[in-house]
C-alpha atoms as a PDB file:
ATOM      1  CA  MET A   1      18.175 -20.977 -10.153  1.00  0.00           C
ATOM      2  CA  THR A   2      15.998 -18.567  -9.166  1.00  0.00           C
ATOM      3  CA  THR A   3      12.107 -19.035  -9.166  1.00  0.00           C
ATOM      4  CA  LEU A   4       9.426 -16.772 -10.295  1.00  0.00           C
ATOM      5  CA  THR A   5       8.456 -16.526  -6.881  1.00  0.00           C
ATOM      6  CA  SER A   6      12.683 -15.268  -5.370  1.00  0.00           C
ATOM      7  CA  SER A   7      11.602 -12.068  -7.670  1.00  0.00           C
ATOM      8  CA  TRP A   8      10.914  -9.145  -6.877  1.00  0.00           C
ATOM      9  CA  GLN A   9       8.659  -8.375 -10.112  1.00  0.00           C
ATOM     10  CA  PHE A  10       6.656 -11.328  -9.246  1.00  0.00           C
ATOM     11  CA  TRP A  11       5.524 -10.019  -5.549  1.00  0.00           C
ATOM     12  CA  ALA A  12       5.582  -6.137  -6.996  1.00  0.00           C
ATOM     13  CA  PHE A  13       2.447  -7.242  -9.448  1.00  0.00           C
ATOM     14  CA  GLY A  14       1.250  -9.350  -6.866  1.00  0.00           C
ATOM     15  CA  ALA A  15       0.684  -6.720  -4.434  1.00  0.00           C
ATOM     16  CA  ALA A  16      -0.671  -4.383  -7.464  1.00  0.00           C
ATOM     17  CA  VAL A  17      -3.144  -7.154  -8.529  1.00  0.00           C
ATOM     18  CA  PHE A  18      -4.880  -7.466  -4.889  1.00  0.00           C
ATOM     19  CA  ALA A  19      -4.556  -3.382  -4.428  1.00  0.00           C
ATOM     20  CA  ALA A  20      -6.580  -3.473  -7.256  1.00  0.00           C
ATOM     21  CA  LEU A  21      -8.944  -5.820  -5.303  1.00  0.00           C
ATOM     22  CA  THR A  22      -8.704  -4.083  -2.432  1.00  0.00           C
ATOM     23  CA  ALA A  23     -10.532  -1.043  -3.929  1.00  0.00           C
ATOM     24  CA  ILE A  24     -13.271  -2.910  -5.551  1.00  0.00           C
ATOM     25  CA  PHE A  25     -14.237  -5.435  -2.658  1.00  0.00           C
ATOM     26  CA  ALA A  26     -13.765  -1.705  -0.112  1.00  0.00           C
ATOM     27  CA  LYS A  27     -15.581  -0.015  -2.470  1.00  0.00           C
ATOM     28  CA  VAL A  28     -18.875  -2.467  -2.271  1.00  0.00           C
ATOM     29  CA  GLY A  29     -18.233  -3.337   1.841  1.00  0.00           C
ATOM     30  CA  VAL A  30     -18.008   0.480   2.900  1.00  0.00           C
ATOM     31  CA  ALA A  31     -21.389   1.016   1.042  1.00  0.00           C
ATOM     32  CA  GLY A  32     -23.041   0.080   4.364  1.00  0.00           C
ATOM     33  CA  ILE A  33     -21.272   1.211   7.179  1.00  0.00           C
ATOM     34  CA  ASN A  34     -18.470   3.758   8.535  1.00  0.00           C
ATOM     35  CA  PRO A  35     -15.719   4.092   6.526  1.00  0.00           C
ATOM     36  CA  ASP A  36     -13.528   3.926  10.106  1.00  0.00           C
ATOM     37  CA  TYR A  37     -15.157   0.882  11.644  1.00  0.00           C
ATOM     38  CA  ALA A  38     -14.486  -0.611   8.032  1.00  0.00           C
ATOM     39  CA  THR A  39     -10.753   0.047   8.028  1.00  0.00           C
ATOM     40  CA  PHE A  40     -11.146  -1.641  11.704  1.00  0.00           C
ATOM     41  CA  VAL A  41     -12.264  -4.366  10.564  1.00  0.00           C
ATOM     42  CA  ARG A  42     -10.394  -4.481   7.446  1.00  0.00           C
ATOM     43  CA  THR A  43      -7.469  -4.200  10.338  1.00  0.00           C
ATOM     44  CA  ILE A  44      -8.504  -7.206  12.081  1.00  0.00           C
ATOM     45  CA  VAL A  45      -8.629  -9.636   9.012  1.00  0.00           C
ATOM     46  CA  ILE A  46      -4.824  -8.824   8.384  1.00  0.00           C
ATOM     47  CA  MET A  47      -3.788  -9.787  11.999  1.00  0.00           C
ATOM     48  CA  VAL A  48      -5.883 -12.720  11.946  1.00  0.00           C
ATOM     49  CA  ALA A  49      -4.276 -13.415   8.403  1.00  0.00           C
ATOM     50  CA  LEU A  50      -0.977 -13.048   9.214  1.00  0.00           C
ATOM     51  CA  ALA A  51      -0.480 -14.399  12.242  1.00  0.00           C
ATOM     52  CA  GLY A  52      -1.615 -17.504  11.086  1.00  0.00           C
ATOM     53  CA  ILE A  53       0.832 -17.363   8.266  1.00  0.00           C
ATOM     54  CA  LEU A  54       3.527 -16.476  10.850  1.00  0.00           C
ATOM     55  CA  THR A  55       2.476 -19.744  12.391  1.00  0.00           C
ATOM     56  CA  MET A  56       2.081 -22.087   9.573  1.00  0.00           C
ATOM     57  CA  THR A  57       5.223 -21.135   8.621  1.00  0.00           C
ATOM     58  CA  GLY A  58       6.788 -21.125  11.834  1.00  0.00           C
ATOM     59  CA  GLN A  59       8.745 -17.281  11.229  1.00  0.00           C
ATOM     60  CA  TRP A  60       7.242 -16.028  14.900  1.00  0.00           C
ATOM     61  CA  GLN A  61      10.738 -14.128  16.227  1.00  0.00           C
ATOM     62  CA  GLY A  62      10.389 -11.965  19.652  1.00  0.00           C
ATOM     63  CA  VAL A  63      10.258  -8.576  20.080  1.00  0.00           C
ATOM     64  CA  GLU A  64      14.211  -8.816  21.260  1.00  0.00           C
ATOM     65  CA  VAL A  65      14.507  -9.093  17.544  1.00  0.00           C
ATOM     66  CA  LEU A  66      13.658  -5.199  16.567  1.00  0.00           C
ATOM     67  CA  GLY A  67      16.439  -2.936  17.421  1.00  0.00           C
ATOM     68  CA  GLY A  68      15.420   0.937  18.425  1.00  0.00           C
ATOM     69  CA  ARG A  69      15.618   2.483  14.871  1.00  0.00           C
ATOM     70  CA  THR A  70      13.847  -0.792  13.121  1.00  0.00           C
ATOM     71  CA  GLY A  71      11.336  -0.704  15.990  1.00  0.00           C
ATOM     72  CA  LEU A  72      10.543   2.757  15.923  1.00  0.00           C
ATOM     73  CA  PHE A  73      10.514   3.274  11.741  1.00  0.00           C
ATOM     74  CA  LEU A  74       8.048   0.025  12.032  1.00  0.00           C
ATOM     75  CA  VAL A  75       5.668   1.724  13.831  1.00  0.00           C
ATOM     76  CA  LEU A  76       5.603   4.975  11.708  1.00  0.00           C
ATOM     77  CA  SER A  77       5.012   2.905   8.455  1.00  0.00           C
ATOM     78  CA  GLY A  78       2.399   1.285  10.212  1.00  0.00           C
ATOM     79  CA  LEU A  79       1.064   4.494  11.895  1.00  0.00           C
ATOM     80  CA  ALA A  80       0.833   5.867   8.188  1.00  0.00           C
ATOM     81  CA  THR A  81      -0.014   2.542   6.330  1.00  0.00           C
ATOM     82  CA  GLY A  82      -3.496   2.991   9.705  1.00  0.00           C
ATOM     83  CA  ALA A  83      -3.766   6.976   8.713  1.00  0.00           C
ATOM     84  CA  SER A  84      -3.394   5.843   4.518  1.00  0.00           C
ATOM     85  CA  TRP A  85      -6.406   3.394   4.717  1.00  0.00           C
ATOM     86  CA  ILE A  86      -8.418   5.665   7.440  1.00  0.00           C
ATOM     87  CA  CYS A  87      -7.783   7.939   4.414  1.00  0.00           C
ATOM     88  CA  TYR A  88      -8.375   5.332   0.955  1.00  0.00           C
ATOM     89  CA  PHE A  89     -11.547   3.975   3.074  1.00  0.00           C
ATOM     90  CA  ARG A  90     -13.369   7.292   3.206  1.00  0.00           C
ATOM     91  CA  ALA A  91     -12.464   8.743  -0.217  1.00  0.00           C
ATOM     92  CA  LEU A  92     -14.169   5.175  -1.438  1.00  0.00           C
ATOM     93  CA  LYS A  93     -17.050   5.814   0.950  1.00  0.00           C
ATOM     94  CA  ILE A  94     -17.858   9.324  -1.071  1.00  0.00           C
ATOM     95  CA  GLY A  95     -15.996   8.823  -4.135  1.00  0.00           C
ATOM     96  CA  GLN A  96     -16.304   6.637  -7.059  1.00  0.00           C
ATOM     97  CA  ALA A  97     -13.431   3.331  -7.186  1.00  0.00           C
ATOM     98  CA  SER A  98     -11.969   3.838 -10.673  1.00  0.00           C
ATOM     99  CA  GLN A  99     -11.004   7.591  -9.553  1.00  0.00           C
ATOM    100  CA  VAL A 100      -9.768   7.258  -5.821  1.00  0.00           C
ATOM    101  CA  ALA A 101      -7.394   4.088  -6.728  1.00  0.00           C
ATOM    102  CA  PRO A 102      -5.697   6.179  -9.249  1.00  0.00           C
ATOM    103  CA  VAL A 103      -4.968   8.972  -7.323  1.00  0.00           C
ATOM    104  CA  ASP A 104      -4.238   6.543  -4.089  1.00  0.00           C
ATOM    105  CA  LYS A 105      -1.391   5.354  -6.724  1.00  0.00           C
ATOM    106  CA  LEU A 106       0.061   9.089  -6.883  1.00  0.00           C
ATOM    107  CA  SER A 107       2.263   7.345  -3.677  1.00  0.00           C
ATOM    108  CA  VAL A 108       4.382   5.654  -6.796  1.00  0.00           C
ATOM    109  CA  VAL A 109       5.394   9.309  -7.994  1.00  0.00           C
ATOM    110  CA  LEU A 110       5.700  10.261  -4.058  1.00  0.00           C
ATOM    111  CA  VAL A 111       8.070   7.089  -3.379  1.00  0.00           C
ATOM    112  CA  ALA A 112      10.490   7.882  -6.362  1.00  0.00           C
ATOM    113  CA  LEU A 113      10.447  11.993  -4.570  1.00  0.00           C
ATOM    114  CA  PHE A 114      11.429  10.626  -1.235  1.00  0.00           C
ATOM    115  CA  ALA A 115      13.361   8.041  -2.547  1.00  0.00           C
ATOM    116  CA  VAL A 116      15.254  10.505  -3.553  1.00  0.00           C
ATOM    117  CA  ALA A 117      15.466  13.421  -0.691  1.00  0.00           C
ATOM    118  CA  PHE A 118      15.373  11.124   1.827  1.00  0.00           C
ATOM    119  CA  LEU A 119      17.464   7.592   1.224  1.00  0.00           C
ATOM    120  CA  GLY A 120      19.198   9.396  -1.979  1.00  0.00           C
ATOM    121  CA  GLU A 121      18.698   7.276  -4.776  1.00  0.00           C
ATOM    122  CA  ARG A 122      19.182   8.264  -8.058  1.00  0.00           C
ATOM    123  CA  LEU A 123      17.069   8.101 -11.010  1.00  0.00           C
ATOM    124  CA  SER A 124      17.280   7.768 -14.651  1.00  0.00           C
ATOM    125  CA  PRO A 125      15.281  10.866 -17.190  1.00  0.00           C
ATOM    126  CA  THR A 126      13.559   7.331 -17.851  1.00  0.00           C
ATOM    127  CA  HIS A 127      12.644   6.855 -14.876  1.00  0.00           C
ATOM    128  CA  TRP A 128      12.039  10.502 -14.252  1.00  0.00           C
ATOM    129  CA  LEU A 129       9.510  10.027 -17.118  1.00  0.00           C
ATOM    130  CA  GLY A 130       8.596   7.309 -16.248  1.00  0.00           C
ATOM    131  CA  ILE A 131       7.456   9.050 -12.730  1.00  0.00           C
ATOM    132  CA  GLY A 132       5.916  11.952 -14.859  1.00  0.00           C
ATOM    133  CA  LEU A 133       3.213   9.720 -16.900  1.00  0.00           C
ATOM    134  CA  VAL A 134       2.114   7.732 -13.437  1.00  0.00           C
ATOM    135  CA  GLY A 135       1.868  10.826 -12.189  1.00  0.00           C
ATOM    136  CA  ALA A 136       0.171  12.942 -15.119  1.00  0.00           C
ATOM    137  CA  GLY A 137      -2.363   9.589 -15.819  1.00  0.00           C
ATOM    138  CA  ALA A 138      -3.906  10.128 -12.314  1.00  0.00           C
ATOM    139  CA  VAL A 139      -4.746  12.927 -13.004  1.00  0.00           C
ATOM    140  CA  LEU A 140      -6.150  12.288 -16.291  1.00  0.00           C
ATOM    141  CA  ILE A 141      -7.913   9.695 -14.430  1.00  0.00           C
ATOM    142  CA  ALA A 142      -9.563  11.177 -11.778  1.00  0.00           C
ATOM    143  CA  ALA A 143     -10.016  14.900 -13.477  1.00  0.00           C
ATOM    144  CA  THR A 144     -13.161  13.098 -15.609  1.00  0.00           C
END
């Protein structure tokens, strides 16, 4: 028997809800400070929260579990995340959250394209239509 918390859909929806809250909280929070400093504060909060979760659940692992390839791609992912956050907070500083967030979500389109190009994933015509609609929706929202 599978539980709700063992489905990817549950966690993906949670990610969407928290991403939406991130945009709203960040827009208010970045109003009075430098966006790079805001990103730094956010990063510290995330590190402390994750350290607490790892401690409470006993999931700490030694660095030796990372192989060369795994470690490299986690470092690259971390650098990409940091660059994304810096860009996102700067965009929120000068733009409207209701426009910045949809453009940020063009990442959905880019993930699909990159997954096809680099991971060999195959998408159905229905998936391509959905990706096109997401892209068109983001452009329409950002342009108004």
